[in-house]
Amino acid sequence: MTMKVEHEIHTRRKGRNMGVGILLLGLIGIVFGLTVVKVLGLTDIRQLERFDHVARPALEPGALEAAERRAADVAAERAAAATQEGATE
């Protein structure tokens, strides 16, 4: 026969641990609920990508063309600098 002695501190800690567990489950439930509401409220899935605090050229009209033009300008400037550097040597 085993003796099981449980000190009163164990019961208090068990109660506190249960309280913390319930709070964590509640927080997880709130975050999950907000996510579900956000996703269900979208009319187009591309709206989910907005407000990421990151520039997304695919979402802005004309941004891709502007980026390509800028890249071509930079490449032309580098090529001109390289030919000018080669001509001075």
PDB file of N, CA and C in Angstrom:
ATOM      1  N   MET A   1       0.835  -1.165   0.000  1.00  0.00           N
ATOM      2  CA  MET A   1       0.000   0.000   0.000  1.00  0.00           C
ATOM      3  C   MET A   1       0.889   1.240   0.000  1.00  0.00           C
ATOM      4  N   THR A   2       0.647   2.120  -0.913  1.00  0.00           N
ATOM      5  CA  THR A   2       1.437   3.340  -1.012  1.00  0.00           C
ATOM      6  C   THR A   2       0.748   4.468  -0.276  1.00  0.00           C
ATOM      7  N   MET A   3       1.602   5.245   0.336  1.00  0.00           N
ATOM      8  CA  MET A   3       1.067   6.424   1.010  1.00  0.00           C
ATOM      9  C   MET A   3       1.161   7.608   0.059  1.00  0.00           C
ATOM     10  N   LYS A   4       0.090   8.308  -0.070  1.00  0.00           N
ATOM     11  CA  LYS A   4       0.102   9.490  -0.924  1.00  0.00           C
ATOM     12  C   LYS A   4      -0.143  10.698  -0.032  1.00  0.00           C
ATOM     13  N   VAL A   5       0.917  11.462   0.109  1.00  0.00           N
ATOM     14  CA  VAL A   5       0.815  12.656   0.935  1.00  0.00           C
ATOM     15  C   VAL A   5       0.937  13.855   0.004  1.00  0.00           C
ATOM     16  N   GLU A   6      -0.075  14.674  -0.013  1.00  0.00           N
ATOM     17  CA  GLU A   6      -0.044  15.860  -0.858  1.00  0.00           C
ATOM     18  C   GLU A   6      -0.087  17.079   0.051  1.00  0.00           C
ATOM     19  N   HIS A   7       0.929  17.870  -0.072  1.00  0.00           N
ATOM     20  CA  HIS A   7       1.017  19.082   0.743  1.00  0.00           C
ATOM     21  C   HIS A   7       0.044  20.118   0.188  1.00  0.00           C
ATOM     22  N   GLU A   8      -0.353  21.065   1.032  1.00  0.00           N
ATOM     23  CA  GLU A   8      -1.324  22.062   0.597  1.00  0.00           C
ATOM     24  C   GLU A   8      -0.755  22.984  -0.479  1.00  0.00           C
ATOM     25  N   ILE A   9       0.577  23.109  -0.555  1.00  0.00           N
ATOM     26  CA  ILE A   9       1.174  23.950  -1.606  1.00  0.00           C
ATOM     27  C   ILE A   9       0.948  23.326  -2.984  1.00  0.00           C
ATOM     28  N   HIS A  10       0.881  21.979  -3.020  1.00  0.00           N
ATOM     29  CA  HIS A  10       0.636  21.309  -4.294  1.00  0.00           C
ATOM     30  C   HIS A  10      -0.763  21.616  -4.815  1.00  0.00           C
ATOM     31  N   THR A  11      -1.709  21.667  -3.918  1.00  0.00           N
ATOM     32  CA  THR A  11      -3.078  21.965  -4.356  1.00  0.00           C
ATOM     33  C   THR A  11      -3.201  23.417  -4.809  1.00  0.00           C
ATOM     34  N   ARG A  12      -2.486  24.329  -4.132  1.00  0.00           N
ATOM     35  CA  ARG A  12      -2.514  25.732  -4.555  1.00  0.00           C
ATOM     36  C   ARG A  12      -1.859  25.894  -5.920  1.00  0.00           C
ATOM     37  N   ARG A  13      -0.717  25.237  -6.106  1.00  0.00           N
ATOM     38  CA  ARG A  13      -0.022  25.334  -7.395  1.00  0.00           C
ATOM     39  C   ARG A  13      -0.856  24.717  -8.512  1.00  0.00           C
ATOM     40  N   LYS A  14      -1.517  23.632  -8.192  1.00  0.00           N
ATOM     41  CA  LYS A  14      -2.368  22.989  -9.196  1.00  0.00           C
ATOM     42  C   LYS A  14      -3.490  23.936  -9.621  1.00  0.00           C
ATOM     43  N   GLY A  15      -4.072  24.619  -8.657  1.00  0.00           N
ATOM     44  CA  GLY A  15      -5.128  25.583  -8.964  1.00  0.00           C
ATOM     45  C   GLY A  15      -4.618  26.746  -9.794  1.00  0.00           C
ATOM     46  N   ARG A  16      -3.439  27.247  -9.458  1.00  0.00           N
ATOM     47  CA  ARG A  16      -2.860  28.354 -10.224  1.00  0.00           C
ATOM     48  C   ARG A  16      -2.495  27.903 -11.637  1.00  0.00           C
ATOM     49  N   ASN A  17      -1.942  26.701 -11.740  1.00  0.00           N
ATOM     50  CA  ASN A  17      -1.593  26.178 -13.062  1.00  0.00           C
ATOM     51  C   ASN A  17      -2.839  26.004 -13.926  1.00  0.00           C
ATOM     52  N   MET A  18      -3.912  25.546 -13.326  1.00  0.00           N
ATOM     53  CA  MET A  18      -5.163  25.411 -14.075  1.00  0.00           C
ATOM     54  C   MET A  18      -5.660  26.785 -14.534  1.00  0.00           C
ATOM     55  N   GLY A  19      -5.538  27.782 -13.675  1.00  0.00           N
ATOM     56  CA  GLY A  19      -5.950  29.144 -14.046  1.00  0.00           C
ATOM     57  C   GLY A  19      -5.134  29.687 -15.200  1.00  0.00           C
ATOM     58  N   VAL A  20      -3.819  29.492 -15.144  1.00  0.00           N
ATOM     59  CA  VAL A  20      -2.953  29.956 -16.234  1.00  0.00           C
ATOM     60  C   VAL A  20      -3.283  29.204 -17.520  1.00  0.00           C
ATOM     61  N   GLY A  21      -3.534  27.920 -17.411  1.00  0.00           N
ATOM     62  CA  GLY A  21      -3.898  27.128 -18.589  1.00  0.00           C
ATOM     63  C   GLY A  21      -5.187  27.610 -19.225  1.00  0.00           C
ATOM     64  N   ILE A  22      -6.168  27.928 -18.390  1.00  0.00           N
ATOM     65  CA  ILE A  22      -7.443  28.429 -18.907  1.00  0.00           C
ATOM     66  C   ILE A  22      -7.253  29.784 -19.587  1.00  0.00           C
ATOM     67  N   LEU A  23      -6.421  30.650 -18.983  1.00  0.00           N
ATOM     68  CA  LEU A  23      -6.143  31.949 -19.603  1.00  0.00           C
ATOM     69  C   LEU A  23      -5.449  31.787 -20.952  1.00  0.00           C
ATOM     70  N   LEU A  24      -4.480  30.875 -21.031  1.00  0.00           N
ATOM     71  CA  LEU A  24      -3.784  30.644 -22.298  1.00  0.00           C
ATOM     72  C   LEU A  24      -4.730  30.098 -23.361  1.00  0.00           C
ATOM     73  N   LEU A  25      -5.587  29.164 -22.972  1.00  0.00           N
ATOM     74  CA  LEU A  25      -6.569  28.641 -23.925  1.00  0.00           C
ATOM     75  C   LEU A  25      -7.527  29.741 -24.388  1.00  0.00           C
ATOM     76  N   GLY A  26      -7.896  30.632 -23.476  1.00  0.00           N
ATOM     77  CA  GLY A  26      -8.751  31.754 -23.853  1.00  0.00           C
ATOM     78  C   GLY A  26      -8.073  32.681 -24.848  1.00  0.00           C
ATOM     79  N   LEU A  27      -6.798  32.962 -24.618  1.00  0.00           N
ATOM     80  CA  LEU A  27      -6.041  33.816 -25.532  1.00  0.00           C
ATOM     81  C   LEU A  27      -5.923  33.165 -26.910  1.00  0.00           C
ATOM     82  N   ILE A  28      -5.636  31.880 -26.924  1.00  0.00           N
ATOM     83  CA  ILE A  28      -5.550  31.156 -28.196  1.00  0.00           C
ATOM     84  C   ILE A  28      -6.898  31.191 -28.908  1.00  0.00           C
ATOM     85  N   GLY A  29      -7.972  31.030 -28.151  1.00  0.00           N
ATOM     86  CA  GLY A  29      -9.314  31.084 -28.738  1.00  0.00           C
ATOM     87  C   GLY A  29      -9.627  32.444 -29.341  1.00  0.00           C
ATOM     88  N   ILE A  30      -9.221  33.511 -28.657  1.00  0.00           N
ATOM     89  CA  ILE A  30      -9.461  34.862 -29.173  1.00  0.00           C
ATOM     90  C   ILE A  30      -8.698  35.084 -30.474  1.00  0.00           C
ATOM     91  N   VAL A  31      -7.413  34.714 -30.495  1.00  0.00           N
ATOM     92  CA  VAL A  31      -6.605  34.894 -31.708  1.00  0.00           C
ATOM     93  C   VAL A  31      -7.175  34.064 -32.856  1.00  0.00           C
ATOM     94  N   PHE A  32      -7.547  32.828 -32.577  1.00  0.00           N
ATOM     95  CA  PHE A  32      -8.128  31.974 -33.614  1.00  0.00           C
ATOM     96  C   PHE A  32      -9.441  32.563 -34.127  1.00  0.00           C
ATOM     97  N   GLY A  33     -10.271  33.037 -33.213  1.00  0.00           N
ATOM     98  CA  GLY A  33     -11.544  33.632 -33.616  1.00  0.00           C
ATOM     99  C   GLY A  33     -11.356  34.864 -34.481  1.00  0.00           C
ATOM    100  N   LEU A  34     -10.421  35.734 -34.105  1.00  0.00           N
ATOM    101  CA  LEU A  34     -10.153  36.920 -34.917  1.00  0.00           C
ATOM    102  C   LEU A  34      -9.636  36.546 -36.298  1.00  0.00           C
ATOM    103  N   THR A  35      -8.800  35.515 -36.364  1.00  0.00           N
ATOM    104  CA  THR A  35      -8.287  35.058 -37.656  1.00  0.00           C
ATOM    105  C   THR A  35      -9.414  34.532 -38.531  1.00  0.00           C
ATOM    106  N   VAL A  36     -10.294  33.747 -37.959  1.00  0.00           N
ATOM    107  CA  VAL A  36     -11.422  33.202 -38.725  1.00  0.00           C
ATOM    108  C   VAL A  36     -12.319  34.325 -39.225  1.00  0.00           C
ATOM    109  N   VAL A  37     -12.601  35.294 -38.372  1.00  0.00           N
ATOM    110  CA  VAL A  37     -13.458  36.412 -38.775  1.00  0.00           C
ATOM    111  C   VAL A  37     -12.799  37.210 -39.890  1.00  0.00           C
ATOM    112  N   LYS A  38     -11.489  37.416 -39.795  1.00  0.00           N
ATOM    113  CA  LYS A  38     -10.775  38.171 -40.829  1.00  0.00           C
ATOM    114  C   LYS A  38     -10.826  37.436 -42.161  1.00  0.00           C
ATOM    115  N   VAL A  39     -10.571  36.143 -42.144  1.00  0.00           N
ATOM    116  CA  VAL A  39     -10.546  35.371 -43.388  1.00  0.00           C
ATOM    117  C   VAL A  39     -11.941  35.259 -43.989  1.00  0.00           C
ATOM    118  N   LEU A  40     -12.956  35.046 -43.172  1.00  0.00           N
ATOM    119  CA  LEU A  40     -14.313  34.916 -43.698  1.00  0.00           C
ATOM    120  C   LEU A  40     -14.867  36.242 -44.206  1.00  0.00           C
ATOM    121  N   GLY A  41     -14.351  37.348 -43.702  1.00  0.00           N
ATOM    122  CA  GLY A  41     -14.832  38.658 -44.123  1.00  0.00           C
ATOM    123  C   GLY A  41     -14.222  39.140 -45.422  1.00  0.00           C
ATOM    124  N   LEU A  42     -13.289  38.387 -45.985  1.00  0.00           N
ATOM    125  CA  LEU A  42     -12.642  38.803 -47.222  1.00  0.00           C
ATOM    126  C   LEU A  42     -13.503  38.428 -48.421  1.00  0.00           C
ATOM    127  N   THR A  43     -13.560  39.344 -49.372  1.00  0.00           N
ATOM    128  CA  THR A  43     -14.245  39.023 -50.620  1.00  0.00           C
ATOM    129  C   THR A  43     -13.274  38.429 -51.629  1.00  0.00           C
ATOM    130  N   ASP A  44     -11.999  38.792 -51.500  1.00  0.00           N
ATOM    131  CA  ASP A  44     -10.960  38.294 -52.396  1.00  0.00           C
ATOM    132  C   ASP A  44      -9.773  37.886 -51.536  1.00  0.00           C
ATOM    133  N   ILE A  45      -9.192  36.728 -51.801  1.00  0.00           N
ATOM    134  CA  ILE A  45      -8.105  36.214 -50.964  1.00  0.00           C
ATOM    135  C   ILE A  45      -6.864  37.101 -51.044  1.00  0.00           C
ATOM    136  N   ARG A  46      -6.715  37.874 -52.129  1.00  0.00           N
ATOM    137  CA  ARG A  46      -5.553  38.756 -52.231  1.00  0.00           C
ATOM    138  C   ARG A  46      -5.589  39.864 -51.189  1.00  0.00           C
ATOM    139  N   GLN A  47      -6.762  40.151 -50.647  1.00  0.00           N
ATOM    140  CA  GLN A  47      -6.861  41.168 -49.605  1.00  0.00           C
ATOM    141  C   GLN A  47      -6.133  40.738 -48.336  1.00  0.00           C
ATOM    142  N   LEU A  48      -5.934  39.438 -48.171  1.00  0.00           N
ATOM    143  CA  LEU A  48      -5.237  38.939 -46.990  1.00  0.00           C
ATOM    144  C   LEU A  48      -3.784  39.392 -46.984  1.00  0.00           C
ATOM    145  N   GLU A  49      -3.216  39.623 -48.166  1.00  0.00           N
ATOM    146  CA  GLU A  49      -1.820  40.034 -48.265  1.00  0.00           C
ATOM    147  C   GLU A  49      -1.627  41.508 -47.947  1.00  0.00           C
ATOM    148  N   ARG A  50      -2.668  42.267 -47.907  1.00  0.00           N
ATOM    149  CA  ARG A  50      -2.524  43.694 -47.641  1.00  0.00           C
ATOM    150  C   ARG A  50      -2.207  43.939 -46.172  1.00  0.00           C
ATOM    151  N   PHE A  51      -1.661  45.101 -45.913  1.00  0.00           N
ATOM    152  CA  PHE A  51      -1.331  45.540 -44.564  1.00  0.00           C
ATOM    153  C   PHE A  51      -0.331  44.607 -43.887  1.00  0.00           C
ATOM    154  N   ASP A  52       0.638  44.123 -44.664  1.00  0.00           N
ATOM    155  CA  ASP A  52       1.702  43.299 -44.103  1.00  0.00           C
ATOM    156  C   ASP A  52       2.888  44.140 -43.661  1.00  0.00           C
ATOM    157  N   HIS A  53       2.802  45.449 -43.842  1.00  0.00           N
ATOM    158  CA  HIS A  53       3.894  46.366 -43.544  1.00  0.00           C
ATOM    159  C   HIS A  53       5.094  46.099 -44.447  1.00  0.00           C
ATOM    160  N   VAL A  54       4.817  45.532 -45.612  1.00  0.00           N
ATOM    161  CA  VAL A  54       5.848  45.257 -46.603  1.00  0.00           C
ATOM    162  C   VAL A  54       5.295  45.699 -47.947  1.00  0.00           C
ATOM    163  N   ALA A  55       6.133  46.363 -48.733  1.00  0.00           N
ATOM    164  CA  ALA A  55       5.688  46.779 -50.057  1.00  0.00           C
ATOM    165  C   ALA A  55       5.510  45.552 -50.937  1.00  0.00           C
ATOM    166  N   ARG A  56       4.363  45.419 -51.529  1.00  0.00           N
ATOM    167  CA  ARG A  56       4.067  44.302 -52.430  1.00  0.00           C
ATOM    168  C   ARG A  56       3.799  44.875 -53.815  1.00  0.00           C
ATOM    169  N   PRO A  57       4.779  44.827 -54.702  1.00  0.00           N
ATOM    170  CA  PRO A  57       4.577  45.395 -56.040  1.00  0.00           C
ATOM    171  C   PRO A  57       3.429  44.743 -56.801  1.00  0.00           C
ATOM    172  N   ALA A  58       3.145  43.497 -56.529  1.00  0.00           N
ATOM    173  CA  ALA A  58       2.079  42.812 -57.252  1.00  0.00           C
ATOM    174  C   ALA A  58       0.708  43.400 -56.918  1.00  0.00           C
ATOM    175  N   LEU A  59       0.578  44.054 -55.771  1.00  0.00           N
ATOM    176  CA  LEU A  59      -0.714  44.590 -55.357  1.00  0.00           C
ATOM    177  C   LEU A  59      -0.949  46.014 -55.842  1.00  0.00           C
ATOM    178  N   GLU A  60       0.126  46.710 -56.212  1.00  0.00           N
ATOM    179  CA  GLU A  60      -0.009  48.099 -56.624  1.00  0.00           C
ATOM    180  C   GLU A  60       0.073  48.195 -58.138  1.00  0.00           C
ATOM    181  N   PRO A  61      -0.922  48.785 -58.768  1.00  0.00           N
ATOM    182  CA  PRO A  61      -0.883  48.891 -60.228  1.00  0.00           C
ATOM    183  C   PRO A  61       0.246  49.824 -60.667  1.00  0.00           C
ATOM    184  N   GLY A  62       1.001  49.379 -61.646  1.00  0.00           N
ATOM    185  CA  GLY A  62       2.081  50.200 -62.185  1.00  0.00           C
ATOM    186  C   GLY A  62       3.381  50.094 -61.423  1.00  0.00           C
ATOM    187  N   ALA A  63       3.391  49.458 -60.285  1.00  0.00           N
ATOM    188  CA  ALA A  63       4.613  49.375 -59.484  1.00  0.00           C
ATOM    189  C   ALA A  63       5.637  48.453 -60.124  1.00  0.00           C
ATOM    190  N   LEU A  64       5.172  47.370 -60.724  1.00  0.00           N
ATOM    191  CA  LEU A  64       6.097  46.441 -61.375  1.00  0.00           C
ATOM    192  C   LEU A  64       6.790  47.102 -62.554  1.00  0.00           C
ATOM    193  N   GLU A  65       6.041  47.835 -63.359  1.00  0.00           N
ATOM    194  CA  GLU A  65       6.637  48.521 -64.503  1.00  0.00           C
ATOM    195  C   GLU A  65       7.642  49.567 -64.039  1.00  0.00           C
ATOM    196  N   ALA A  66       7.312  50.294 -62.973  1.00  0.00           N
ATOM    197  CA  ALA A  66       8.228  51.304 -62.446  1.00  0.00           C
ATOM    198  C   ALA A  66       9.504  50.657 -61.924  1.00  0.00           C
ATOM    199  N   ALA A  67       9.384  49.515 -61.273  1.00  0.00           N
ATOM    200  CA  ALA A  67      10.565  48.815 -60.767  1.00  0.00           C
ATOM    201  C   ALA A  67      11.423  48.312 -61.916  1.00  0.00           C
ATOM    202  N   GLU A  68      10.796  47.816 -62.977  1.00  0.00           N
ATOM    203  CA  GLU A  68      11.560  47.345 -64.135  1.00  0.00           C
ATOM    204  C   GLU A  68      12.273  48.504 -64.821  1.00  0.00           C
ATOM    205  N   ARG A  69      11.584  49.657 -64.943  1.00  0.00           N
ATOM    206  CA  ARG A  69      12.228  50.834 -65.539  1.00  0.00           C
ATOM    207  C   ARG A  69      13.407  51.294 -64.697  1.00  0.00           C
ATOM    208  N   ARG A  70      13.225  51.289 -63.383  1.00  0.00           N
ATOM    209  CA  ARG A  70      14.308  51.709 -62.481  1.00  0.00           C
ATOM    210  C   ARG A  70      15.497  50.759 -62.599  1.00  0.00           C
ATOM    211  N   ALA A  71      15.236  49.465 -62.676  1.00  0.00           N
ATOM    212  CA  ALA A  71      16.313  48.488 -62.823  1.00  0.00           C
ATOM    213  C   ALA A  71      17.039  48.680 -64.145  1.00  0.00           C
ATOM    214  N   ALA A  72      16.299  48.976 -65.210  1.00  0.00           N
ATOM    215  CA  ALA A  72      16.930  49.218 -66.511  1.00  0.00           C
ATOM    216  C   ALA A  72      17.779  50.481 -66.470  1.00  0.00           C
ATOM    217  N   ASP A  73      17.295  51.533 -65.794  1.00  0.00           N
ATOM    218  CA  ASP A  73      18.068  52.770 -65.670  1.00  0.00           C
ATOM    219  C   ASP A  73      19.363  52.540 -64.896  1.00  0.00           C
ATOM    220  N   VAL A  74      19.282  51.791 -63.810  1.00  0.00           N
ATOM    221  CA  VAL A  74      20.473  51.503 -63.004  1.00  0.00           C
ATOM    222  C   VAL A  74      21.463  50.678 -63.811  1.00  0.00           C
ATOM    223  N   ALA A  75      20.969  49.702 -64.564  1.00  0.00           N
ATOM    224  CA  ALA A  75      21.852  48.875 -65.389  1.00  0.00           C
ATOM    225  C   ALA A  75      22.520  49.720 -66.463  1.00  0.00           C
ATOM    226  N   ALA A  76      21.776  50.649 -67.054  1.00  0.00           N
ATOM    227  CA  ALA A  76      22.350  51.525 -68.076  1.00  0.00           C
ATOM    228  C   ALA A  76      23.411  52.436 -67.470  1.00  0.00           C
ATOM    229  N   GLU A  77      23.155  52.960 -66.275  1.00  0.00           N
ATOM    230  CA  GLU A  77      24.141  53.814 -65.603  1.00  0.00           C
ATOM    231  C   GLU A  77      25.413  53.039 -65.291  1.00  0.00           C
ATOM    232  N   ARG A  78      25.270  51.810 -64.833  1.00  0.00           N
ATOM    233  CA  ARG A  78      26.441  50.987 -64.526  1.00  0.00           C
ATOM    234  C   ARG A  78      27.221  50.642 -65.788  1.00  0.00           C
ATOM    235  N   ALA A  79      26.499  50.353 -66.861  1.00  0.00           N
ATOM    236  CA  ALA A  79      27.173  50.037 -68.122  1.00  0.00           C
ATOM    237  C   ALA A  79      27.923  51.255 -68.641  1.00  0.00           C
ATOM    238  N   ALA A  80      27.299  52.436 -68.526  1.00  0.00           N
ATOM    239  CA  ALA A  80      27.959  53.663 -68.970  1.00  0.00           C
ATOM    240  C   ALA A  80      29.192  53.944 -68.122  1.00  0.00           C
ATOM    241  N   ALA A  81      29.091  53.718 -66.822  1.00  0.00           N
ATOM    242  CA  ALA A  81      30.238  53.939 -65.938  1.00  0.00           C
ATOM    243  C   ALA A  81      31.351  52.949 -66.247  1.00  0.00           C
ATOM    244  N   ALA A  82      30.993  51.717 -66.574  1.00  0.00           N
ATOM    245  CA  ALA A  82      31.999  50.701 -66.886  1.00  0.00           C
ATOM    246  C   ALA A  82      32.703  51.021 -68.198  1.00  0.00           C
ATOM    247  N   THR A  83      31.961  51.486 -69.202  1.00  0.00           N
ATOM    248  CA  THR A  83      32.593  51.829 -70.479  1.00  0.00           C
ATOM    249  C   THR A  83      33.446  53.075 -70.334  1.00  0.00           C
ATOM    250  N   GLN A  84      32.991  54.007 -69.523  1.00  0.00           N
ATOM    251  CA  GLN A  84      33.767  55.220 -69.294  1.00  0.00           C
ATOM    252  C   GLN A  84      35.044  54.889 -68.532  1.00  0.00           C
ATOM    253  N   GLU A  85      34.954  53.979 -67.589  1.00  0.00           N
ATOM    254  CA  GLU A  85      36.119  53.558 -66.817  1.00  0.00           C
ATOM    255  C   GLU A  85      37.091  52.796 -67.709  1.00  0.00           C
ATOM    256  N   GLY A  86      36.567  51.990 -68.614  1.00  0.00           N
ATOM    257  CA  GLY A  86      37.409  51.235 -69.542  1.00  0.00           C
ATOM    258  C   GLY A  86      38.088  52.147 -70.548  1.00  0.00           C
ATOM    259  N   ALA A  87      37.456  53.256 -70.916  1.00  0.00           N
ATOM    260  CA  ALA A  87      38.018  54.185 -71.891  1.00  0.00           C
ATOM    261  C   ALA A  87      39.146  55.005 -71.284  1.00  0.00           C
ATOM    262  N   THR A  88      39.119  55.249 -69.991  1.00  0.00           N
ATOM    263  CA  THR A  88      40.159  56.058 -69.348  1.00  0.00           C
ATOM    264  C   THR A  88      41.421  55.264 -69.090  1.00  0.00           C
ATOM    265  N   GLU A  89      41.360  53.951 -69.122  1.00  0.00           N
ATOM    266  CA  GLU A  89      42.548  53.140 -68.850  1.00  0.00           C
ATOM    267  C   GLU A  89      43.380  52.943 -70.057  1.00  0.00           C
TER     268      GLU A  89
END
